[in-house]
Amino acid sequence: MLQAATAFSEQGAHNEIIRLGIKAQKSGANGVFVWCFTDPAVDILREVIDVPVVGAFAPAVLTANAIAQRYAIVTALLSVIPIYIKLSRELGVSSNIVSIREIGMPVLEMDDKALLLKNLVEQSIEAIKEGAQAIVLGCTGMLGVAKELQRKLAELKKPAPVVDPTEAALVMLQGLIRQKITQSRLAYCPAGTKCHV
């Protein structure tokens, strides 16, 4: 599991993720999970290593797609919403996303689980009012609150399933490993090689 560091620049984070992904494969890893909902360097890593690579965004929203027709992403900060809009367009799920809402909490403040849960409940209820049938947690830093959020929503007569992006990504990665499949070389062509299209 590789975590995008928020302390250095986006390019610096990408370089470090790529370095760690290559190192993981050389060390015998069967797959790589980039532990960030913005999926930094995922496409690049898919080109340079042979084991399957997943980020958190696609597994989470595709899980929501499997259980609901319309869903919302509830994320940490306003600043990441444009990234999620871009990723949802690329994945072809924009029309299924009712809204992308933010709780105004940076990752480093998410240790306060009570406040995190309170903010998630508030924004999830608003998303449900807008037509969301499921909630996707839009930050891997929200680890460990999905079940409690789902329980609280059910108590409030808003029984929406809640997708934890880390769990969704790890389940998808395990599935790829068990099926012995990895990223297509028709889609992710390593530098210096000829890919057939």
Protein backbone atom coordinates (compact mmCIF):
# COMPACT_ATOMS: atom_id res chain seq x y z
CA MET A 1 0.00 0.00 0.00
CA LEU A 2 1.50 3.32 -1.11
CA GLN A 3 0.29 6.57 0.41
CA ALA A 4 0.57 9.87 -1.44
CA ALA A 5 2.47 12.29 0.76
CA THR A 6 0.79 15.64 1.15
CA ALA A 7 3.99 17.32 2.32
CA PHE A 8 5.68 17.56 -1.04
CA SER A 9 4.66 18.78 -4.45
CA GLU A 10 2.37 16.75 -6.66
CA GLN A 11 5.27 15.93 -8.98
CA GLY A 12 7.46 14.99 -6.04
CA ALA A 13 4.68 12.76 -4.69
CA HIS A 14 4.30 11.08 -8.09
CA ASN A 15 8.03 10.42 -8.30
CA GLU A 16 8.07 8.88 -4.83
CA ILE A 17 5.00 6.71 -5.55
CA ILE A 18 6.62 5.46 -8.76
CA ARG A 19 9.88 4.70 -6.94
CA LEU A 20 8.04 2.81 -4.19
CA GLY A 21 5.90 0.92 -6.69
CA ILE A 22 8.96 -0.28 -8.60
CA LYS A 23 10.60 -1.23 -5.30
CA ALA A 24 7.48 -3.15 -4.22
CA GLN A 25 7.46 -5.22 -7.40
CA LYS A 26 11.20 -5.96 -7.08
CA SER A 27 10.58 -7.05 -3.49
CA GLY A 28 8.03 -9.61 -4.66
CA ALA A 29 4.73 -7.77 -4.15
CA ASN A 30 1.80 -9.33 -6.03
CA GLY A 31 0.09 -5.97 -6.53
CA VAL A 32 0.24 -2.30 -5.59
CA PHE A 33 -2.45 -0.11 -4.00
CA VAL A 34 -1.82 3.65 -4.17
CA TRP A 35 -3.55 4.78 -0.98
CA CYS A 36 -5.05 8.07 -2.11
CA PHE A 37 -8.48 8.86 -3.58
CA THR A 38 -6.99 11.19 -6.22
CA ASP A 39 -5.17 8.18 -7.80
CA PRO A 40 -1.77 9.92 -8.11
CA ALA A 41 0.67 8.22 -10.50
CA VAL A 42 -1.60 5.18 -10.94
CA ASP A 43 -1.55 5.32 -14.75
CA ILE A 44 2.23 5.84 -14.81
CA LEU A 45 2.83 2.91 -12.44
CA ARG A 46 0.65 0.70 -14.64
CA GLU A 47 3.07 1.40 -17.49
CA VAL A 48 6.27 0.70 -15.55
CA ILE A 49 5.45 -2.36 -13.44
CA ASP A 50 3.81 -5.67 -14.31
CA VAL A 51 1.84 -6.44 -11.14
CA PRO A 52 -1.71 -5.01 -10.96
CA VAL A 53 -1.99 -1.41 -9.73
CA VAL A 54 -5.11 0.20 -8.29
CA GLY A 55 -5.85 3.56 -6.76
CA ALA A 56 -8.86 4.25 -4.55
CA PHE A 57 -11.16 6.25 -6.84
CA ALA A 58 -12.15 3.70 -9.49
CA PRO A 59 -12.72 0.75 -7.12
CA ALA A 60 -14.88 2.90 -4.83
CA VAL A 61 -17.12 4.44 -7.48
CA LEU A 62 -17.41 1.18 -9.42
CA THR A 63 -18.53 -0.50 -6.19
CA ALA A 64 -21.15 2.23 -5.77
CA ASN A 65 -22.17 1.69 -9.40
CA ALA A 66 -22.80 -1.98 -8.62
CA ILE A 67 -25.18 -1.25 -5.73
CA ALA A 68 -26.89 2.03 -6.66
CA GLN A 69 -27.99 3.97 -9.71
CA ARG A 70 -26.98 7.34 -8.28
CA TYR A 71 -24.50 8.13 -5.53
CA ALA A 72 -22.51 10.95 -3.97
CA ILE A 73 -18.88 11.37 -3.04
CA VAL A 74 -18.24 13.00 0.33
CA THR A 75 -14.66 14.20 0.53
CA ALA A 76 -12.33 16.16 2.77
CA LEU A 77 -11.75 19.50 1.05
CA LEU A 78 -13.12 21.62 -1.78
CA SER A 79 -9.71 21.70 -3.48
CA VAL A 80 -9.88 18.04 -4.60
CA ILE A 81 -13.34 18.21 -6.19
CA PRO A 82 -12.01 19.20 -9.67
CA ILE A 83 -9.78 16.10 -9.61
CA TYR A 84 -12.79 13.88 -8.88
CA ILE A 85 -14.82 15.51 -11.64
CA LYS A 86 -11.98 14.72 -14.08
CA LEU A 87 -11.60 11.13 -12.82
CA SER A 88 -15.35 10.51 -13.01
CA ARG A 89 -15.42 11.74 -16.62
CA GLU A 90 -12.49 9.50 -17.55
CA LEU A 91 -14.18 6.52 -15.92
CA GLY A 92 -17.53 7.30 -17.57
CA VAL A 93 -19.53 7.57 -14.35
CA SER A 94 -20.24 11.32 -14.24
CA SER A 95 -23.95 10.87 -14.88
CA ASN A 96 -24.25 8.55 -11.86
CA ILE A 97 -22.73 11.04 -9.42
CA VAL A 98 -25.40 13.23 -7.83
CA SER A 99 -22.92 15.49 -6.11
CA ILE A 100 -19.44 15.77 -4.64
CA ARG A 101 -19.64 17.29 -1.19
CA GLU A 102 -16.88 18.30 1.23
CA ILE A 103 -16.66 18.26 5.00
CA GLY A 104 -13.95 20.94 5.36
CA MET A 105 -11.53 18.71 7.27
CA PRO A 106 -7.94 18.15 6.15
CA VAL A 107 -6.63 14.60 6.51
CA LEU A 108 -4.44 15.54 9.48
CA GLU A 109 -7.58 16.51 11.46
CA MET A 110 -9.40 13.25 10.82
CA ASP A 111 -8.05 11.70 14.01
CA ASP A 112 -11.05 13.38 15.65
CA LYS A 113 -13.41 10.56 14.68
CA ALA A 114 -16.41 12.09 16.44
CA LEU A 115 -16.13 15.34 14.47
CA LEU A 116 -15.36 13.43 11.27
CA LEU A 117 -18.47 11.29 11.71
CA LYS A 118 -20.65 14.31 12.55
CA ASN A 119 -19.53 16.12 9.39
CA LEU A 120 -19.94 12.99 7.26
CA VAL A 121 -23.48 12.44 8.55
CA GLU A 122 -24.44 16.06 7.77
CA GLN A 123 -23.06 16.00 4.23
CA SER A 124 -24.37 12.50 3.51
CA ILE A 125 -27.89 13.52 4.50
CA GLU A 126 -27.67 16.51 2.16
CA ALA A 127 -26.46 14.23 -0.64
CA ILE A 128 -29.34 11.81 -0.02
CA LYS A 129 -31.78 14.73 -0.23
CA GLU A 130 -30.25 15.46 -3.64
CA GLY A 131 -31.02 11.91 -4.77
CA ALA A 132 -27.96 9.89 -3.74
CA GLN A 133 -28.76 6.23 -3.05
CA ALA A 134 -25.25 5.42 -1.77
CA ILE A 135 -22.33 7.35 -0.32
CA VAL A 136 -18.71 7.01 -1.39
CA LEU A 137 -16.15 8.26 1.13
CA GLY A 138 -13.88 10.46 -0.98
CA CYS A 139 -10.70 10.20 1.07
CA THR A 140 -8.66 7.21 2.17
CA GLY A 141 -7.97 9.11 5.41
CA MET A 142 -11.60 8.35 6.35
CA LEU A 143 -10.61 4.75 7.06
CA GLY A 144 -12.67 2.95 9.68
CA VAL A 145 -15.82 5.11 9.73
CA ALA A 146 -17.91 3.70 6.86
CA LYS A 147 -19.83 1.12 8.91
CA GLU A 148 -20.61 3.60 11.68
CA LEU A 149 -21.74 6.22 9.14
CA GLN A 150 -23.96 3.62 7.46
CA ARG A 151 -25.45 2.68 10.84
CA LYS A 152 -26.14 6.33 11.73
CA LEU A 153 -27.78 6.99 8.36
CA ALA A 154 -30.01 3.94 8.83
CA GLU A 155 -31.02 5.22 12.28
CA LEU A 156 -32.01 8.50 10.62
CA LYS A 157 -34.19 6.58 8.12
CA LYS A 158 -31.68 7.26 5.32
CA PRO A 159 -30.42 3.69 4.74
CA ALA A 160 -27.75 4.41 2.15
CA PRO A 161 -24.82 1.99 1.84
CA VAL A 162 -21.42 3.61 2.45
CA VAL A 163 -18.38 2.62 0.39
CA ASP A 164 -14.96 2.77 2.07
CA PRO A 165 -12.45 3.44 -0.75
CA THR A 166 -9.62 1.55 0.95
CA GLU A 167 -11.71 -1.59 1.43
CA ALA A 168 -13.07 -1.38 -2.13
CA ALA A 169 -9.56 -0.98 -3.56
CA LEU A 170 -8.05 -3.84 -1.57
CA VAL A 171 -10.89 -6.18 -2.54
CA MET A 172 -10.45 -5.25 -6.21
CA LEU A 173 -6.68 -5.71 -6.01
CA GLN A 174 -7.08 -9.10 -4.31
CA GLY A 175 -9.51 -10.10 -7.06
CA LEU A 176 -7.06 -9.15 -9.80
CA ILE A 177 -4.27 -11.07 -8.07
CA ARG A 178 -6.44 -14.17 -7.59
CA GLN A 179 -7.53 -14.06 -11.24
CA LYS A 180 -3.89 -13.65 -12.27
CA ILE A 181 -4.67 -10.62 -14.43
CA THR A 182 -2.95 -7.28 -14.57
CA GLN A 183 -3.19 -4.04 -16.55
CA SER A 184 -3.52 -4.45 -20.30
CA ARG A 185 -0.42 -3.76 -22.33
CA LEU A 186 -2.79 -2.56 -25.06
CA ALA A 187 -3.81 0.25 -22.71
CA TYR A 188 -0.67 0.84 -20.64
CA CYS A 189 2.31 0.58 -22.93
CA PRO A 190 5.77 0.58 -21.28
CA ALA A 191 8.16 3.24 -22.57
CA GLY A 192 10.41 2.04 -25.35
CA THR A 193 8.15 -0.84 -26.43
CA LYS A 194 5.73 -1.22 -29.31
CA CYS A 195 2.12 -1.60 -28.24
CA HIS A 196 -0.51 -3.01 -30.54
CA VAL A 197 -3.71 -1.00 -30.70
